[in-house]
PDB file of N, CA and C in Angstrom:
ATOM      1  N   MET A   1      25.570 -10.036 -10.259  1.00  0.00           N
ATOM      2  CA  MET A   1      25.073  -8.886 -11.388  1.00  0.00           C
ATOM      3  C   MET A   1      25.868  -7.831 -12.755  1.00  0.00           C
ATOM      4  N   LYS A   2      26.423  -6.689 -11.723  1.00  0.00           N
ATOM      5  CA  LYS A   2      27.983  -6.192 -11.609  1.00  0.00           C
ATOM      6  C   LYS A   2      28.935  -6.340 -12.390  1.00  0.00           C
ATOM      7  N   SER A   3      29.164  -8.217 -11.749  1.00  0.00           N
ATOM      8  CA  SER A   3      30.323  -8.755 -12.705  1.00  0.00           C
ATOM      9  C   SER A   3      30.709  -9.853 -13.888  1.00  0.00           C
ATOM     10  N   LEU A   4      29.302  -9.658 -14.069  1.00  0.00           N
ATOM     11  CA  LEU A   4      28.699 -10.561 -14.943  1.00  0.00           C
ATOM     12  C   LEU A   4      28.999  -9.243 -15.637  1.00  0.00           C
ATOM     13  N   SER A   5      28.785  -7.910 -15.850  1.00  0.00           N
ATOM     14  CA  SER A   5      28.447  -7.571 -16.786  1.00  0.00           C
ATOM     15  C   SER A   5      29.181  -7.593 -17.978  1.00  0.00           C
ATOM     16  N   THR A   6      30.697  -7.468 -16.177  1.00  0.00           N
ATOM     17  CA  THR A   6      31.936  -6.754 -17.038  1.00  0.00           C
ATOM     18  C   THR A   6      32.148  -7.414 -17.331  1.00  0.00           C
ATOM     19  N   LEU A   7      32.460  -9.100 -17.366  1.00  0.00           N
ATOM     20  CA  LEU A   7      33.108  -9.905 -17.752  1.00  0.00           C
ATOM     21  C   LEU A   7      32.250 -10.464 -19.745  1.00  0.00           C
ATOM     22  N   PHE A   8      31.630  -9.522 -19.501  1.00  0.00           N
ATOM     23  CA  PHE A   8      30.710  -9.687 -20.914  1.00  0.00           C
ATOM     24  C   PHE A   8      31.682  -9.042 -21.877  1.00  0.00           C
ATOM     25  N   ILE A   9      31.445  -7.641 -21.070  1.00  0.00           N
ATOM     26  CA  ILE A   9      31.946  -6.314 -22.379  1.00  0.00           C
ATOM     27  C   ILE A   9      33.639  -6.687 -21.699  1.00  0.00           C
ATOM     28  N   ALA A  10      34.084  -7.093 -21.158  1.00  0.00           N
ATOM     29  CA  ALA A  10      35.725  -7.648 -21.339  1.00  0.00           C
ATOM     30  C   ALA A  10      35.617  -8.380 -23.024  1.00  0.00           C
ATOM     31  N   VAL A  11      35.192  -9.617 -22.421  1.00  0.00           N
ATOM     32  CA  VAL A  11      34.798 -10.992 -23.183  1.00  0.00           C
ATOM     33  C   VAL A  11      35.272  -9.993 -24.821  1.00  0.00           C
ATOM     34  N   ALA A  12      33.691  -9.281 -24.630  1.00  0.00           N
ATOM     35  CA  ALA A  12      33.501  -8.700 -25.985  1.00  0.00           C
ATOM     36  C   ALA A  12      33.960  -7.699 -26.508  1.00  0.00           C
ATOM     37  N   LEU A  13      35.280  -6.971 -26.307  1.00  0.00           N
ATOM     38  CA  LEU A  13      36.380  -6.401 -26.144  1.00  0.00           C
ATOM     39  C   LEU A  13      37.566  -7.350 -27.165  1.00  0.00           C
ATOM     40  N   LEU A  14      37.908  -8.042 -26.280  1.00  0.00           N
ATOM     41  CA  LEU A  14      39.093  -9.120 -27.329  1.00  0.00           C
ATOM     42  C   LEU A  14      38.273  -9.498 -28.418  1.00  0.00           C
ATOM     43  N   LEU A  15      37.432 -10.402 -28.238  1.00  0.00           N
ATOM     44  CA  LEU A  15      37.228 -10.519 -29.509  1.00  0.00           C
ATOM     45  C   LEU A  15      37.071  -9.281 -30.854  1.00  0.00           C
ATOM     46  N   LEU A  16      36.622  -8.472 -30.271  1.00  0.00           N
ATOM     47  CA  LEU A  16      36.911  -6.828 -31.272  1.00  0.00           C
ATOM     48  C   LEU A  16      38.379  -6.796 -31.688  1.00  0.00           C
ATOM     49  N   ALA A  17      39.271  -6.705 -30.894  1.00  0.00           N
ATOM     50  CA  ALA A  17      40.194  -6.759 -31.161  1.00  0.00           C
ATOM     51  C   ALA A  17      40.648  -7.940 -31.716  1.00  0.00           C
ATOM     52  N   GLY A  18      41.013  -9.011 -31.464  1.00  0.00           N
ATOM     53  CA  GLY A  18      40.650 -10.643 -32.175  1.00  0.00           C
ATOM     54  C   GLY A  18      40.792 -10.260 -34.187  1.00  0.00           C
ATOM     55  N   CYS A  19      39.230  -9.921 -33.664  1.00  0.00           N
ATOM     56  CA  CYS A  19      38.612  -9.336 -35.577  1.00  0.00           C
ATOM     57  C   CYS A  19      39.354  -8.421 -36.330  1.00  0.00           C
ATOM     58  N   ASN A  20      39.502  -8.054 -35.806  1.00  0.00           N
ATOM     59  CA  ASN A  20      40.517  -6.636 -35.972  1.00  0.00           C
ATOM     60  C   ASN A  20      42.275  -6.715 -36.576  1.00  0.00           C
ATOM     61  N   THR A  21      42.381  -7.369 -35.681  1.00  0.00           N
ATOM     62  CA  THR A  21      44.050  -8.169 -35.810  1.00  0.00           C
ATOM     63  C   THR A  21      44.051  -9.054 -37.467  1.00  0.00           C
ATOM     64  N   VAL A  22      43.383  -9.307 -37.086  1.00  0.00           N
ATOM     65  CA  VAL A  22      42.563 -10.985 -37.571  1.00  0.00           C
ATOM     66  C   VAL A  22      42.996 -10.523 -39.505  1.00  0.00           C
ATOM     67  N   LYS A  23      41.360  -8.805 -39.128  1.00  0.00           N
ATOM     68  CA  LYS A  23      41.479  -8.440 -40.507  1.00  0.00           C
ATOM     69  C   LYS A  23      43.027  -7.680 -41.143  1.00  0.00           C
ATOM     70  N   GLY A  24      43.492  -7.025 -40.143  1.00  0.00           N
ATOM     71  CA  GLY A  24      44.360  -6.344 -40.653  1.00  0.00           C
ATOM     72  C   GLY A  24      45.953  -7.166 -41.236  1.00  0.00           C
ATOM     73  N   VAL A  25      45.858  -8.409 -40.485  1.00  0.00           N
ATOM     74  CA  VAL A  25      46.784  -9.730 -41.349  1.00  0.00           C
ATOM     75  C   VAL A  25      46.211 -10.133 -42.584  1.00  0.00           C
ATOM     76  N   GLY A  26      45.286 -10.723 -43.112  1.00  0.00           N
ATOM     77  CA  GLY A  26      44.181 -10.177 -44.209  1.00  0.00           C
ATOM     78  C   GLY A  26      45.279  -9.648 -45.277  1.00  0.00           C
ATOM     79  N   GLN A  27      44.977  -8.183 -44.496  1.00  0.00           N
ATOM     80  CA  GLN A  27      45.007  -7.000 -45.413  1.00  0.00           C
ATOM     81  C   GLN A  27      47.242  -6.834 -45.935  1.00  0.00           C
ATOM     82  N   ASP A  28      47.479  -7.319 -44.970  1.00  0.00           N
ATOM     83  CA  ASP A  28      48.840  -7.336 -45.373  1.00  0.00           C
ATOM     84  C   ASP A  28      49.250  -9.001 -45.951  1.00  0.00           C
ATOM     85  N   LEU A  29      49.080  -9.757 -45.952  1.00  0.00           N
ATOM     86  CA  LEU A  29      49.019 -10.991 -46.448  1.00  0.00           C
ATOM     87  C   LEU A  29      48.749 -10.728 -47.994  1.00  0.00           C
ATOM     88  N   GLN A  30      47.613  -9.792 -48.199  1.00  0.00           N
ATOM     89  CA  GLN A  30      47.082  -9.617 -49.644  1.00  0.00           C
ATOM     90  C   GLN A  30      47.680  -8.878 -50.320  1.00  0.00           C
ATOM     91  N   LYS A  31      48.298  -7.795 -49.467  1.00  0.00           N
ATOM     92  CA  LYS A  31      49.371  -6.841 -50.284  1.00  0.00           C
ATOM     93  C   LYS A  31      50.949  -8.064 -50.991  1.00  0.00           C
ATOM     94  N   ALA A  32      50.967  -8.692 -50.222  1.00  0.00           N
ATOM     95  CA  ALA A  32      52.370  -9.434 -50.396  1.00  0.00           C
ATOM     96  C   ALA A  32      51.742  -9.784 -51.189  1.00  0.00           C
ATOM     97  N   GLY A  33      50.304 -10.239 -51.197  1.00  0.00           N
ATOM     98  CA  GLY A  33      50.299 -11.381 -52.918  1.00  0.00           C
ATOM     99  C   GLY A  33      50.769 -10.093 -54.384  1.00  0.00           C
ATOM    100  N   GLU A  34      49.863  -9.497 -54.213  1.00  0.00           N
ATOM    101  CA  GLU A  34      49.829  -8.801 -55.295  1.00  0.00           C
ATOM    102  C   GLU A  34      51.198  -7.705 -55.490  1.00  0.00           C
ATOM    103  N   THR A  35      51.728  -8.205 -54.320  1.00  0.00           N
ATOM    104  CA  THR A  35      53.697  -8.068 -54.950  1.00  0.00           C
ATOM    105  C   THR A  35      53.930  -8.887 -55.668  1.00  0.00           C
ATOM    106  N   ILE A  36      54.145  -9.665 -55.109  1.00  0.00           N
ATOM    107  CA  ILE A  36      54.180 -11.359 -55.599  1.00  0.00           C
ATOM    108  C   ILE A  36      53.895 -11.362 -56.991  1.00  0.00           C
ATOM    109  N   GLU A  37      52.275 -11.236 -57.839  1.00  0.00           N
ATOM    110  CA  GLU A  37      51.700 -10.884 -58.252  1.00  0.00           C
ATOM    111  C   GLU A  37      52.853 -10.267 -59.420  1.00  0.00           C
ATOM    112  N   ASP A  38      52.704  -8.897 -59.453  1.00  0.00           N
ATOM    113  CA  ASP A  38      53.432  -7.820 -60.020  1.00  0.00           C
ATOM    114  C   ASP A  38      54.658  -8.196 -60.772  1.00  0.00           C
ATOM    115  N   ALA A  39      56.017  -9.427 -59.596  1.00  0.00           N
ATOM    116  CA  ALA A  39      56.920  -9.280 -60.069  1.00  0.00           C
ATOM    117  C   ALA A  39      57.261 -10.142 -60.632  1.00  0.00           C
ATOM    118  N   VAL A  40      55.909 -10.747 -60.943  1.00  0.00           N
ATOM    119  CA  VAL A  40      56.089 -12.560 -61.996  1.00  0.00           C
ATOM    120  C   VAL A  40      55.739 -11.488 -63.351  1.00  0.00           C
ATOM    121  N   LYS A  41      54.274 -10.727 -62.719  1.00  0.00           N
ATOM    122  CA  LYS A  41      54.209 -10.181 -64.242  1.00  0.00           C
ATOM    123  C   LYS A  41      54.743  -9.459 -65.611  1.00  0.00           C
ATOM    124  N   LYS A  42      56.120  -8.485 -64.604  1.00  0.00           N
ATOM    125  CA  LYS A  42      57.498  -8.457 -64.762  1.00  0.00           C
ATOM    126  C   LYS A  42      58.379  -9.068 -65.679  1.00  0.00           C
ATOM    127  N   LYS A  43      58.536  -9.844 -65.572  1.00  0.00           N
ATOM    128  CA  LYS A  43      59.322 -10.763 -65.756  1.00  0.00           C
ATOM    129  C   LYS A  43      58.894 -11.266 -67.227  1.00  0.00           C
TER     130      LYS A  43
END
């Protein structure tokens, strides 16, 4: 039972870390898109 709990906690931590990584990438892409939009608007 203890090993099952440990496995569950490890999987949960990996999923949470993955979500944060994907969220960070999305924010970076959004900022890059905004920068490109601003550059286009200035021309």
